[in-house]
Amino acid sequence: MRCEVKAKIRWMNGAYGDRFHIPSNVKYSPIIIFDDYLNDTELWSALVIFEKQVKEDIFIKLTYLSDLAPFERLCIGSTFSLFEGNKKVANGIII
């Protein structure tokens, strides 16, 4: 069952530089790994829709690209990391 949650992310230092500003409604599809599942062998692509930026915090809508993904992980308070390939680009929390 597909669901969408609200989350907050912060780019890793230098991931996009200080001049990068998030436009609203832009979609982005990185790999997502939840901190509770760091040793998981399955990788899933997230669908991130940017909503707004407040200083260093970026507020997003978050879901998976696949209908077969583990949606039970999308719980309030769950922490995660976003990756582009093997490069960690952001940390986040579901709010």
N, C-alpha and C. Protein backbone atom coordinates (compact mmCIF):
# COMPACT_ATOMS: atom_id res chain seq x y z
N MET A 1 0.84 -1.18 0.00
CA MET A 1 0.00 0.00 0.00
C MET A 1 0.89 1.24 0.00
N ARG A 2 0.72 2.10 -0.97
CA ARG A 2 1.53 3.32 -1.10
C ARG A 2 1.06 4.37 -0.09
N CYS A 3 2.01 5.00 0.57
CA CYS A 3 1.69 6.12 1.45
C CYS A 3 2.77 7.17 1.30
N GLU A 4 2.43 8.37 1.70
CA GLU A 4 3.34 9.50 1.61
C GLU A 4 3.40 10.16 2.98
N VAL A 5 4.61 10.50 3.43
CA VAL A 5 4.78 11.10 4.75
C VAL A 5 5.52 12.43 4.60
N LYS A 6 5.47 13.22 5.65
CA LYS A 6 6.24 14.47 5.72
C LYS A 6 7.56 14.15 6.42
N ALA A 7 8.62 14.79 5.97
CA ALA A 7 9.93 14.58 6.58
C ALA A 7 10.74 15.87 6.49
N LYS A 8 11.85 15.86 7.20
CA LYS A 8 12.77 17.01 7.20
C LYS A 8 14.16 16.44 6.93
N ILE A 9 14.88 17.05 5.99
CA ILE A 9 16.25 16.61 5.69
C ILE A 9 17.22 17.77 5.83
N ARG A 10 18.48 17.41 5.97
CA ARG A 10 19.59 18.37 5.91
C ARG A 10 20.67 17.76 5.03
N TRP A 11 21.12 18.57 4.08
CA TRP A 11 22.22 18.13 3.22
C TRP A 11 23.47 17.92 4.06
N MET A 12 24.28 16.98 3.66
CA MET A 12 25.59 16.81 4.27
C MET A 12 26.42 18.04 3.90
N ASN A 13 27.38 18.39 4.72
CA ASN A 13 28.23 19.55 4.43
C ASN A 13 28.84 19.42 3.04
N GLY A 14 28.61 20.42 2.23
CA GLY A 14 29.20 20.43 0.90
C GLY A 14 28.49 19.61 -0.14
N ALA A 15 27.37 18.96 0.21
CA ALA A 15 26.69 18.12 -0.76
C ALA A 15 26.24 18.94 -1.97
N TYR A 16 25.69 20.11 -1.74
CA TYR A 16 25.25 20.96 -2.84
C TYR A 16 25.74 22.39 -2.71
N GLY A 17 26.51 22.67 -1.69
CA GLY A 17 27.04 24.01 -1.53
C GLY A 17 26.03 24.93 -0.87
N ASP A 18 26.51 26.03 -0.37
CA ASP A 18 25.66 26.97 0.35
C ASP A 18 24.70 27.73 -0.56
N ARG A 19 24.97 27.78 -1.85
CA ARG A 19 24.14 28.58 -2.74
C ARG A 19 22.97 27.81 -3.33
N PHE A 20 22.84 26.53 -3.04
CA PHE A 20 21.75 25.73 -3.60
C PHE A 20 20.47 26.00 -2.82
N HIS A 21 19.42 26.47 -3.50
CA HIS A 21 18.12 26.72 -2.87
C HIS A 21 17.10 25.76 -3.45
N ILE A 22 16.24 25.27 -2.61
CA ILE A 22 15.27 24.26 -3.01
C ILE A 22 14.02 24.91 -3.59
N PRO A 23 13.72 24.68 -4.85
CA PRO A 23 12.44 25.15 -5.39
C PRO A 23 11.32 24.21 -4.94
N SER A 24 10.12 24.71 -4.77
CA SER A 24 9.03 23.84 -4.33
C SER A 24 8.54 22.95 -5.47
N ASN A 25 7.98 21.81 -5.10
CA ASN A 25 7.38 20.83 -6.01
C ASN A 25 8.36 20.16 -6.97
N VAL A 26 9.64 20.24 -6.70
CA VAL A 26 10.62 19.53 -7.51
C VAL A 26 10.77 18.12 -6.97
N LYS A 27 10.84 17.13 -7.87
CA LYS A 27 10.96 15.73 -7.47
C LYS A 27 12.42 15.27 -7.59
N TYR A 28 12.80 14.38 -6.69
CA TYR A 28 14.18 13.89 -6.58
C TYR A 28 14.09 12.43 -6.14
N SER A 29 14.92 11.55 -6.70
CA SER A 29 14.81 10.12 -6.41
C SER A 29 16.15 9.50 -5.99
N PRO A 30 16.57 9.73 -4.76
CA PRO A 30 17.80 9.10 -4.25
C PRO A 30 17.50 7.72 -3.66
N ILE A 31 18.54 7.02 -3.28
CA ILE A 31 18.41 5.78 -2.50
C ILE A 31 18.16 6.19 -1.05
N ILE A 32 17.26 5.47 -0.37
CA ILE A 32 16.98 5.76 1.04
C ILE A 32 17.36 4.54 1.88
N ILE A 33 18.05 4.79 2.98
CA ILE A 33 18.41 3.73 3.93
C ILE A 33 18.04 4.23 5.32
N PHE A 34 17.17 3.49 5.99
CA PHE A 34 16.76 3.85 7.34
C PHE A 34 17.83 3.41 8.33
N ASP A 35 18.06 4.23 9.35
CA ASP A 35 19.13 3.96 10.32
C ASP A 35 18.94 2.63 11.02
N ASP A 36 17.70 2.18 11.22
CA ASP A 36 17.44 0.89 11.86
C ASP A 36 17.77 -0.29 10.94
N TYR A 37 18.01 -0.02 9.65
CA TYR A 37 18.22 -1.08 8.67
C TYR A 37 19.53 -0.87 7.90
N LEU A 38 20.55 -0.40 8.59
CA LEU A 38 21.83 -0.11 7.93
C LEU A 38 22.45 -1.33 7.27
N ASN A 39 22.20 -2.52 7.81
CA ASN A 39 22.79 -3.74 7.26
C ASN A 39 21.86 -4.45 6.28
N ASP A 40 20.77 -3.82 5.92
CA ASP A 40 19.81 -4.39 4.98
C ASP A 40 20.48 -4.55 3.62
N THR A 41 20.22 -5.66 2.95
CA THR A 41 20.82 -5.89 1.63
C THR A 41 19.95 -5.36 0.50
N GLU A 42 18.70 -5.02 0.79
CA GLU A 42 17.82 -4.46 -0.23
C GLU A 42 17.95 -2.94 -0.25
N LEU A 43 18.06 -2.38 -1.44
CA LEU A 43 18.11 -0.93 -1.58
C LEU A 43 16.83 -0.48 -2.27
N TRP A 44 16.28 0.65 -1.79
CA TRP A 44 15.04 1.18 -2.33
C TRP A 44 15.24 2.63 -2.75
N SER A 45 14.58 3.01 -3.83
CA SER A 45 14.60 4.40 -4.28
C SER A 45 13.44 5.14 -3.64
N ALA A 46 13.74 6.31 -3.12
CA ALA A 46 12.72 7.16 -2.54
C ALA A 46 12.23 8.14 -3.60
N LEU A 47 11.05 8.66 -3.37
CA LEU A 47 10.56 9.78 -4.16
C LEU A 47 10.41 10.94 -3.19
N VAL A 48 11.21 11.97 -3.39
CA VAL A 48 11.24 13.15 -2.53
C VAL A 48 10.63 14.31 -3.32
N ILE A 49 9.65 14.97 -2.71
CA ILE A 49 9.07 16.17 -3.31
C ILE A 49 9.36 17.33 -2.35
N PHE A 50 10.17 18.27 -2.82
CA PHE A 50 10.57 19.40 -1.99
C PHE A 50 9.39 20.34 -1.77
N GLU A 51 9.22 20.79 -0.54
CA GLU A 51 8.15 21.72 -0.22
C GLU A 51 8.67 23.10 0.14
N LYS A 52 9.56 23.17 1.14
CA LYS A 52 10.12 24.48 1.52
C LYS A 52 11.41 24.28 2.27
N GLN A 53 12.18 25.35 2.34
CA GLN A 53 13.45 25.36 3.06
C GLN A 53 13.39 26.44 4.13
N VAL A 54 13.78 26.06 5.34
CA VAL A 54 13.86 27.00 6.46
C VAL A 54 15.27 26.88 7.02
N LYS A 55 16.10 27.86 6.69
CA LYS A 55 17.53 27.83 7.04
C LYS A 55 18.14 26.55 6.49
N GLU A 56 18.68 25.67 7.35
CA GLU A 56 19.31 24.43 6.87
C GLU A 56 18.33 23.28 6.71
N ASP A 57 17.13 23.41 7.24
CA ASP A 57 16.14 22.34 7.18
C ASP A 57 15.33 22.43 5.89
N ILE A 58 15.15 21.28 5.26
CA ILE A 58 14.36 21.20 4.03
C ILE A 58 13.19 20.27 4.31
N PHE A 59 11.98 20.78 4.14
CA PHE A 59 10.78 20.02 4.40
C PHE A 59 10.31 19.38 3.09
N ILE A 60 9.98 18.09 3.18
CA ILE A 60 9.68 17.30 1.99
C ILE A 60 8.46 16.42 2.22
N LYS A 61 7.91 15.92 1.11
CA LYS A 61 7.01 14.77 1.12
C LYS A 61 7.86 13.59 0.69
N LEU A 62 7.65 12.44 1.31
CA LEU A 62 8.51 11.28 1.08
C LEU A 62 7.68 10.03 0.86
N THR A 63 8.03 9.27 -0.15
CA THR A 63 7.45 7.96 -0.38
C THR A 63 8.49 7.13 -1.13
N TYR A 64 8.14 5.93 -1.53
CA TYR A 64 9.02 5.08 -2.34
C TYR A 64 8.58 5.13 -3.80
N LEU A 65 9.49 4.83 -4.70
CA LEU A 65 9.13 4.73 -6.12
C LEU A 65 8.37 3.43 -6.41
N SER A 66 8.69 2.38 -5.69
CA SER A 66 8.09 1.06 -5.94
C SER A 66 6.91 0.79 -5.00
N ASP A 67 5.87 0.19 -5.54
CA ASP A 67 4.73 -0.23 -4.72
C ASP A 67 5.08 -1.43 -3.84
N LEU A 68 6.21 -2.10 -4.10
CA LEU A 68 6.63 -3.27 -3.33
C LEU A 68 7.57 -2.94 -2.18
N ALA A 69 7.88 -1.68 -2.01
CA ALA A 69 8.83 -1.23 -0.98
C ALA A 69 8.25 -1.41 0.42
N PRO A 70 9.12 -1.41 1.44
CA PRO A 70 8.69 -1.60 2.83
C PRO A 70 8.10 -0.32 3.44
N PHE A 71 6.85 -0.04 3.12
CA PHE A 71 6.18 1.18 3.57
C PHE A 71 6.02 1.25 5.08
N GLU A 72 6.12 0.09 5.75
CA GLU A 72 6.01 0.09 7.21
C GLU A 72 7.14 0.86 7.88
N ARG A 73 8.19 1.15 7.15
CA ARG A 73 9.32 1.92 7.70
C ARG A 73 9.04 3.42 7.74
N LEU A 74 7.99 3.87 7.08
CA LEU A 74 7.68 5.29 7.00
C LEU A 74 6.86 5.71 8.23
N CYS A 75 7.49 5.70 9.39
CA CYS A 75 6.83 6.01 10.67
C CYS A 75 7.41 7.29 11.25
N ILE A 76 6.57 8.05 11.93
CA ILE A 76 7.02 9.28 12.59
C ILE A 76 8.18 8.96 13.53
N GLY A 77 9.23 9.75 13.41
CA GLY A 77 10.41 9.59 14.25
C GLY A 77 11.50 8.73 13.62
N SER A 78 11.20 8.02 12.53
CA SER A 78 12.22 7.19 11.87
C SER A 78 13.26 8.09 11.23
N THR A 79 14.53 7.73 11.41
CA THR A 79 15.62 8.50 10.83
C THR A 79 16.20 7.73 9.65
N PHE A 80 16.73 8.48 8.68
CA PHE A 80 17.20 7.86 7.45
C PHE A 80 18.32 8.69 6.83
N SER A 81 18.97 8.09 5.86
CA SER A 81 19.97 8.78 5.06
C SER A 81 19.60 8.66 3.59
N LEU A 82 19.94 9.67 2.81
CA LEU A 82 19.74 9.64 1.37
C LEU A 82 21.09 9.53 0.69
N PHE A 83 21.14 8.71 -0.36
CA PHE A 83 22.38 8.44 -1.08
C PHE A 83 22.21 8.67 -2.57
N GLU A 84 23.26 9.16 -3.20
CA GLU A 84 23.38 9.18 -4.65
C GLU A 84 24.51 8.21 -4.96
N GLY A 85 24.16 7.03 -5.44
CA GLY A 85 25.15 5.96 -5.58
C GLY A 85 25.61 5.58 -4.18
N ASN A 86 26.92 5.55 -3.96
CA ASN A 86 27.43 5.22 -2.63
C ASN A 86 27.77 6.46 -1.80
N LYS A 87 27.40 7.64 -2.31
CA LYS A 87 27.70 8.90 -1.61
C LYS A 87 26.49 9.35 -0.79
N LYS A 88 26.69 9.47 0.52
CA LYS A 88 25.64 9.96 1.40
C LYS A 88 25.50 11.46 1.21
N VAL A 89 24.26 11.91 0.88
CA VAL A 89 24.07 13.33 0.60
C VAL A 89 23.20 14.06 1.61
N ALA A 90 22.40 13.31 2.41
CA ALA A 90 21.52 13.98 3.38
C ALA A 90 21.13 13.04 4.50
N ASN A 91 20.79 13.62 5.64
CA ASN A 91 20.18 12.91 6.77
C ASN A 91 18.78 13.43 6.92
N GLY A 92 17.87 12.57 7.43
CA GLY A 92 16.50 13.02 7.57
C GLY A 92 15.76 12.34 8.70
N ILE A 93 14.57 12.89 9.01
CA ILE A 93 13.68 12.32 10.00
C ILE A 93 12.24 12.52 9.52
N ILE A 94 11.42 11.51 9.74
CA ILE A 94 10.00 11.62 9.40
C ILE A 94 9.30 12.36 10.53
N ILE A 95 8.50 13.36 10.16
CA ILE A 95 7.84 14.21 11.15
C ILE A 95 6.32 14.07 11.11
